[in-house]
Amino acid sequence: MPANDEITVILQAWERDPKAALEQLTPLVYGELRELAAAYIRRERPDHTLQPTALIHEAWVRLTKQSVPRWKDRAHFFGVAAQIMRQILVDFARQHQAQKRGSGKQIQLDARLPLAASAAADFLALNEAIDKLNAWDGRKAQVIELRYFAGLSRDEIAETLSLTLPTVKRDLSIAEAFLRRELAS
């Protein structure tokens, strides 16, 4: 894994020369983004058919096209990437919900993101629960996204959000309980 400082320097140069920064950044972060996506997919049901590479490619395209405020550091970059990946999955799940229900067929998002049809409703429920958490406490929602979607450690989250480690642990515990309650109802 490349040094955090190296990635941070490249991200800070993005504003001056996005093309050059992107060329330098891609080989440094692509592998780690793919590992994060693969880890996320492994946590899904065994019959889940989404491929990490397809998710990363779509996220990368969206990431490079969007206007991002000044990058702070590596953790900020991965946090934004995690939000984009989550939005891709939400978009796909919503598209699926609009399809004929109960067919059991697999559908495609732009012919790139196959996903078992039964997963869409669960993912939409999770997204709705995270949105409710965000409305209740935005910081706790951000901690959840950084932990589970960006794959950051508790220490990295604390550094990124300028929090203490005990605060991050407490926020994670409360946020996880909130999400369990929302998903159970």
C-alpha atoms as a PDB file:
ATOM      1  CA  MET A   1       0.000   0.000   0.000  1.00  0.00           C
ATOM      2  CA  PRO A   2       1.389   3.426  -0.906  1.00  0.00           C
ATOM      3  CA  ALA A   3       2.184   5.889   1.827  1.00  0.00           C
ATOM      4  CA  ASN A   4      -0.724   8.081   2.885  1.00  0.00           C
ATOM      5  CA  ASP A   5       1.443  11.152   2.390  1.00  0.00           C
ATOM      6  CA  GLU A   6       2.147  10.265  -1.259  1.00  0.00           C
ATOM      7  CA  ILE A   7      -1.561   9.930  -2.026  1.00  0.00           C
ATOM      8  CA  THR A   8      -2.370  13.120  -0.114  1.00  0.00           C
ATOM      9  CA  VAL A   9       0.211  15.116  -2.095  1.00  0.00           C
ATOM     10  CA  ILE A  10      -1.210  13.842  -5.392  1.00  0.00           C
ATOM     11  CA  LEU A  11      -4.784  14.606  -4.294  1.00  0.00           C
ATOM     12  CA  GLN A  12      -3.818  18.139  -3.325  1.00  0.00           C
ATOM     13  CA  ALA A  13      -2.262  18.600  -6.786  1.00  0.00           C
ATOM     14  CA  TRP A  14      -5.597  17.549  -8.372  1.00  0.00           C
ATOM     15  CA  GLU A  15      -6.883  21.109  -8.279  1.00  0.00           C
ATOM     16  CA  ARG A  16      -3.894  22.450 -10.243  1.00  0.00           C
ATOM     17  CA  ASP A  17      -3.670  19.661 -12.830  1.00  0.00           C
ATOM     18  CA  PRO A  18      -6.454  17.063 -12.618  1.00  0.00           C
ATOM     19  CA  LYS A  19      -5.216  15.016 -15.568  1.00  0.00           C
ATOM     20  CA  ALA A  20      -1.674  14.600 -14.230  1.00  0.00           C
ATOM     21  CA  ALA A  21      -2.956  13.892 -10.720  1.00  0.00           C
ATOM     22  CA  LEU A  22      -5.345  11.272 -12.061  1.00  0.00           C
ATOM     23  CA  GLU A  23      -2.561   9.544 -13.980  1.00  0.00           C
ATOM     24  CA  GLN A  24      -0.419   9.379 -10.837  1.00  0.00           C
ATOM     25  CA  LEU A  25      -3.272   8.435  -8.530  1.00  0.00           C
ATOM     26  CA  THR A  26      -4.827   5.627 -10.550  1.00  0.00           C
ATOM     27  CA  PRO A  27      -2.118   2.994 -10.052  1.00  0.00           C
ATOM     28  CA  LEU A  28      -1.803   3.894  -6.374  1.00  0.00           C
ATOM     29  CA  VAL A  29      -5.458   3.604  -5.370  1.00  0.00           C
ATOM     30  CA  TYR A  30      -7.058   1.251  -7.890  1.00  0.00           C
ATOM     31  CA  GLY A  31      -5.890  -1.921  -6.184  1.00  0.00           C
ATOM     32  CA  GLU A  32      -7.046  -0.737  -2.799  1.00  0.00           C
ATOM     33  CA  LEU A  33     -10.430   0.357  -4.183  1.00  0.00           C
ATOM     34  CA  ARG A  34     -10.832  -3.063  -5.782  1.00  0.00           C
ATOM     35  CA  GLU A  35      -9.947  -4.804  -2.508  1.00  0.00           C
ATOM     36  CA  LEU A  36     -12.537  -2.693  -0.688  1.00  0.00           C
ATOM     37  CA  ALA A  37     -15.190  -3.530  -3.267  1.00  0.00           C
ATOM     38  CA  ALA A  38     -14.293  -7.215  -3.129  1.00  0.00           C
ATOM     39  CA  ALA A  39     -14.495  -7.193   0.671  1.00  0.00           C
ATOM     40  CA  TYR A  40     -17.886  -5.521   0.499  1.00  0.00           C
ATOM     41  CA  ILE A  41     -19.150  -8.045  -2.040  1.00  0.00           C
ATOM     42  CA  ARG A  42     -17.868 -10.946   0.112  1.00  0.00           C
ATOM     43  CA  ARG A  43     -20.090  -9.696   2.946  1.00  0.00           C
ATOM     44  CA  GLU A  44     -23.116 -10.097   0.685  1.00  0.00           C
ATOM     45  CA  ARG A  45     -25.123 -13.286   0.252  1.00  0.00           C
ATOM     46  CA  PRO A  46     -23.318 -16.193  -1.458  1.00  0.00           C
ATOM     47  CA  ASP A  47     -25.542 -15.945  -4.559  1.00  0.00           C
ATOM     48  CA  HIS A  48     -24.749 -12.248  -5.034  1.00  0.00           C
ATOM     49  CA  THR A  49     -23.401 -11.777  -8.570  1.00  0.00           C
ATOM     50  CA  LEU A  50     -22.092  -8.215  -8.512  1.00  0.00           C
ATOM     51  CA  GLN A  51     -18.472  -8.077  -9.642  1.00  0.00           C
ATOM     52  CA  PRO A  52     -16.078  -5.771  -7.745  1.00  0.00           C
ATOM     53  CA  THR A  53     -14.346  -4.693 -10.952  1.00  0.00           C
ATOM     54  CA  ALA A  54     -17.596  -3.452 -12.489  1.00  0.00           C
ATOM     55  CA  LEU A  55     -18.452  -1.524  -9.340  1.00  0.00           C
ATOM     56  CA  ILE A  56     -14.997   0.068  -9.175  1.00  0.00           C
ATOM     57  CA  HIS A  57     -14.996   1.026 -12.850  1.00  0.00           C
ATOM     58  CA  GLU A  58     -18.366   2.738 -12.601  1.00  0.00           C
ATOM     59  CA  ALA A  59     -17.348   4.481  -9.367  1.00  0.00           C
ATOM     60  CA  TRP A  60     -14.077   5.638 -10.934  1.00  0.00           C
ATOM     61  CA  VAL A  61     -15.894   7.126 -13.920  1.00  0.00           C
ATOM     62  CA  ARG A  62     -18.277   9.018 -11.634  1.00  0.00           C
ATOM     63  CA  LEU A  63     -15.493  10.076  -9.309  1.00  0.00           C
ATOM     64  CA  THR A  64     -13.403  11.595 -12.067  1.00  0.00           C
ATOM     65  CA  LYS A  65     -16.383  13.429 -13.580  1.00  0.00           C
ATOM     66  CA  GLN A  66     -17.688  15.063 -10.435  1.00  0.00           C
ATOM     67  CA  SER A  67     -16.669  18.377  -9.006  1.00  0.00           C
ATOM     68  CA  VAL A  68     -15.084  17.669  -5.649  1.00  0.00           C
ATOM     69  CA  PRO A  69     -14.126  20.288  -3.116  1.00  0.00           C
ATOM     70  CA  ARG A  70     -10.477  20.367  -2.240  1.00  0.00           C
ATOM     71  CA  TRP A  71      -9.226  16.882  -1.379  1.00  0.00           C
ATOM     72  CA  LYS A  72      -7.977  16.724   2.184  1.00  0.00           C
ATOM     73  CA  ASP A  73      -6.184  13.391   2.220  1.00  0.00           C
ATOM     74  CA  ARG A  74      -6.344   9.696   1.373  1.00  0.00           C
ATOM     75  CA  ALA A  75      -9.185   9.020   3.817  1.00  0.00           C
ATOM     76  CA  HIS A  76     -11.271  11.838   2.330  1.00  0.00           C
ATOM     77  CA  PHE A  77     -10.755  10.365  -1.145  1.00  0.00           C
ATOM     78  CA  PHE A  78     -11.795   6.870  -0.050  1.00  0.00           C
ATOM     79  CA  GLY A  79     -14.780   8.286   1.841  1.00  0.00           C
ATOM     80  CA  VAL A  80     -16.038  10.024  -1.307  1.00  0.00           C
ATOM     81  CA  ALA A  81     -15.366   6.882  -3.349  1.00  0.00           C
ATOM     82  CA  ALA A  82     -17.377   4.842  -0.832  1.00  0.00           C
ATOM     83  CA  GLN A  83     -20.323   7.241  -1.099  1.00  0.00           C
ATOM     84  CA  ILE A  84     -20.219   6.944  -4.886  1.00  0.00           C
ATOM     85  CA  MET A  85     -20.128   3.130  -4.736  1.00  0.00           C
ATOM     86  CA  ARG A  86     -23.084   3.149  -2.375  1.00  0.00           C
ATOM     87  CA  GLN A  87     -25.010   5.457  -4.716  1.00  0.00           C
ATOM     88  CA  ILE A  88     -24.299   3.144  -7.667  1.00  0.00           C
ATOM     89  CA  LEU A  89     -25.715   0.222  -5.715  1.00  0.00           C
ATOM     90  CA  VAL A  90     -28.729   2.293  -4.647  1.00  0.00           C
ATOM     91  CA  ASP A  91     -29.361   3.382  -8.241  1.00  0.00           C
ATOM     92  CA  PHE A  92     -29.204  -0.221  -9.344  1.00  0.00           C
ATOM     93  CA  ALA A  93     -31.535  -1.391  -6.585  1.00  0.00           C
ATOM     94  CA  ARG A  94     -34.049   1.326  -7.441  1.00  0.00           C
ATOM     95  CA  GLN A  95     -33.891   0.365 -11.100  1.00  0.00           C
ATOM     96  CA  HIS A  96     -34.547  -3.225 -10.117  1.00  0.00           C
ATOM     97  CA  GLN A  97     -37.533  -2.256  -7.976  1.00  0.00           C
ATOM     98  CA  ALA A  98     -39.050  -0.612 -11.032  1.00  0.00           C
ATOM     99  CA  GLN A  99     -38.788  -3.900 -12.971  1.00  0.00           C
ATOM    100  CA  LYS A 100     -41.423  -6.597 -12.882  1.00  0.00           C
ATOM    101  CA  ARG A 101     -41.414  -8.111  -9.394  1.00  0.00           C
ATOM    102  CA  GLY A 102     -41.056 -11.762  -8.539  1.00  0.00           C
ATOM    103  CA  SER A 103     -39.501 -12.947 -11.773  1.00  0.00           C
ATOM    104  CA  GLY A 104     -36.306 -14.097 -10.057  1.00  0.00           C
ATOM    105  CA  LYS A 105     -34.358 -12.918 -13.085  1.00  0.00           C
ATOM    106  CA  GLN A 106     -31.095 -11.084 -12.877  1.00  0.00           C
ATOM    107  CA  ILE A 107     -31.000  -7.645 -14.396  1.00  0.00           C
ATOM    108  CA  GLN A 108     -28.168  -5.385 -15.519  1.00  0.00           C
ATOM    109  CA  LEU A 109     -27.250  -1.773 -14.792  1.00  0.00           C
ATOM    110  CA  ASP A 110     -25.792  -0.451 -18.001  1.00  0.00           C
ATOM    111  CA  ALA A 111     -25.017  -4.111 -18.816  1.00  0.00           C
ATOM    112  CA  ARG A 112     -22.161  -3.914 -16.302  1.00  0.00           C
ATOM    113  CA  LEU A 113     -23.497  -4.595 -12.808  1.00  0.00           C
ATOM    114  CA  PRO A 114     -25.383  -7.887 -12.496  1.00  0.00           C
ATOM    115  CA  LEU A 115     -27.046  -8.351  -9.116  1.00  0.00           C
ATOM    116  CA  ALA A 116     -29.384 -11.005  -7.787  1.00  0.00           C
ATOM    117  CA  ALA A 117     -32.887  -9.600  -7.974  1.00  0.00           C
ATOM    118  CA  SER A 118     -33.759 -10.392  -4.350  1.00  0.00           C
ATOM    119  CA  ALA A 119     -30.882  -8.222  -3.052  1.00  0.00           C
ATOM    120  CA  ALA A 120     -32.285  -4.941  -4.364  1.00  0.00           C
ATOM    121  CA  ALA A 121     -34.989  -4.571  -1.720  1.00  0.00           C
ATOM    122  CA  ASP A 122     -32.514  -5.316   1.088  1.00  0.00           C
ATOM    123  CA  PHE A 123     -30.052  -2.781  -0.247  1.00  0.00           C
ATOM    124  CA  LEU A 124     -32.728  -0.115  -0.593  1.00  0.00           C
ATOM    125  CA  ALA A 125     -33.792  -0.771   2.997  1.00  0.00           C
ATOM    126  CA  LEU A 126     -30.186  -0.363   4.159  1.00  0.00           C
ATOM    127  CA  ASN A 127     -29.820   2.848   2.170  1.00  0.00           C
ATOM    128  CA  GLU A 128     -33.051   4.224   3.653  1.00  0.00           C
ATOM    129  CA  ALA A 129     -31.830   3.336   7.150  1.00  0.00           C
ATOM    130  CA  ILE A 130     -28.512   5.123   6.528  1.00  0.00           C
ATOM    131  CA  ASP A 131     -30.422   8.151   5.239  1.00  0.00           C
ATOM    132  CA  LYS A 132     -32.501   8.168   8.450  1.00  0.00           C
ATOM    133  CA  LEU A 133     -29.317   7.868  10.497  1.00  0.00           C
ATOM    134  CA  ASN A 134     -27.874  10.804   8.571  1.00  0.00           C
ATOM    135  CA  ALA A 135     -30.969  12.901   9.322  1.00  0.00           C
ATOM    136  CA  TRP A 136     -30.691  11.993  13.007  1.00  0.00           C
ATOM    137  CA  ASP A 137     -26.899  12.341  13.309  1.00  0.00           C
ATOM    138  CA  GLY A 138     -24.811  13.111  10.247  1.00  0.00           C
ATOM    139  CA  ARG A 139     -21.498  12.332  11.916  1.00  0.00           C
ATOM    140  CA  LYS A 140     -22.586   8.839  12.891  1.00  0.00           C
ATOM    141  CA  ALA A 141     -23.745   8.201   9.310  1.00  0.00           C
ATOM    142  CA  GLN A 142     -20.390   9.415   8.044  1.00  0.00           C
ATOM    143  CA  VAL A 143     -18.575   7.089  10.463  1.00  0.00           C
ATOM    144  CA  ILE A 144     -20.656   4.144   9.190  1.00  0.00           C
ATOM    145  CA  GLU A 145     -19.897   4.986   5.555  1.00  0.00           C
ATOM    146  CA  LEU A 146     -16.182   5.358   6.205  1.00  0.00           C
ATOM    147  CA  ARG A 147     -16.067   2.069   8.125  1.00  0.00           C
ATOM    148  CA  TYR A 148     -18.241  -0.188   6.002  1.00  0.00           C
ATOM    149  CA  PHE A 149     -18.186   1.362   2.553  1.00  0.00           C
ATOM    150  CA  ALA A 150     -14.696   2.899   2.484  1.00  0.00           C
ATOM    151  CA  GLY A 151     -13.148   0.182   4.650  1.00  0.00           C
ATOM    152  CA  LEU A 152     -11.267   2.618   6.865  1.00  0.00           C
ATOM    153  CA  SER A 153     -10.034   1.490  10.253  1.00  0.00           C
ATOM    154  CA  ARG A 154     -11.313   3.144  13.411  1.00  0.00           C
ATOM    155  CA  ASP A 155      -7.992   4.978  13.728  1.00  0.00           C
ATOM    156  CA  GLU A 156      -8.253   6.271  10.143  1.00  0.00           C
ATOM    157  CA  ILE A 157     -11.812   7.435  10.768  1.00  0.00           C
ATOM    158  CA  ALA A 158     -10.723   9.263  13.912  1.00  0.00           C
ATOM    159  CA  GLU A 159      -7.946  10.998  11.997  1.00  0.00           C
ATOM    160  CA  THR A 160     -10.158  11.850   9.012  1.00  0.00           C
ATOM    161  CA  LEU A 161     -12.961  13.335  11.090  1.00  0.00           C
ATOM    162  CA  SER A 162     -10.696  14.830  13.769  1.00  0.00           C
ATOM    163  CA  LEU A 163     -12.301  12.712  16.481  1.00  0.00           C
ATOM    164  CA  THR A 164     -10.898  10.669  19.321  1.00  0.00           C
ATOM    165  CA  LEU A 165     -10.791   6.891  18.978  1.00  0.00           C
ATOM    166  CA  PRO A 166     -13.278   6.397  21.860  1.00  0.00           C
ATOM    167  CA  THR A 167     -15.700   8.770  20.096  1.00  0.00           C
ATOM    168  CA  VAL A 168     -15.426   6.780  16.862  1.00  0.00           C
ATOM    169  CA  LYS A 169     -16.018   3.505  18.733  1.00  0.00           C
ATOM    170  CA  ARG A 170     -19.042   4.987  20.503  1.00  0.00           C
ATOM    171  CA  ASP A 171     -20.424   6.443  17.259  1.00  0.00           C
ATOM    172  CA  LEU A 172     -20.028   3.087  15.495  1.00  0.00           C
ATOM    173  CA  SER A 173     -21.761   1.247  18.309  1.00  0.00           C
ATOM    174  CA  ILE A 174     -24.694   3.664  18.408  1.00  0.00           C
ATOM    175  CA  ALA A 175     -24.979   3.837  14.612  1.00  0.00           C
ATOM    176  CA  GLU A 176     -24.913   0.051  14.248  1.00  0.00           C
ATOM    177  CA  ALA A 177     -27.662  -0.276  16.877  1.00  0.00           C
ATOM    178  CA  PHE A 178     -29.692   2.414  15.089  1.00  0.00           C
ATOM    179  CA  LEU A 179     -29.361   0.593  11.754  1.00  0.00           C
ATOM    180  CA  ARG A 180     -30.263  -2.786  13.293  1.00  0.00           C
ATOM    181  CA  ARG A 181     -33.395  -1.234  14.808  1.00  0.00           C
ATOM    182  CA  GLU A 182     -34.374   0.455  11.535  1.00  0.00           C
ATOM    183  CA  LEU A 183     -33.832  -2.710   9.502  1.00  0.00           C
ATOM    184  CA  ALA A 184     -35.779  -4.847  11.965  1.00  0.00           C
ATOM    185  CA  SER A 185     -38.859  -2.623  11.767  1.00  0.00           C
END
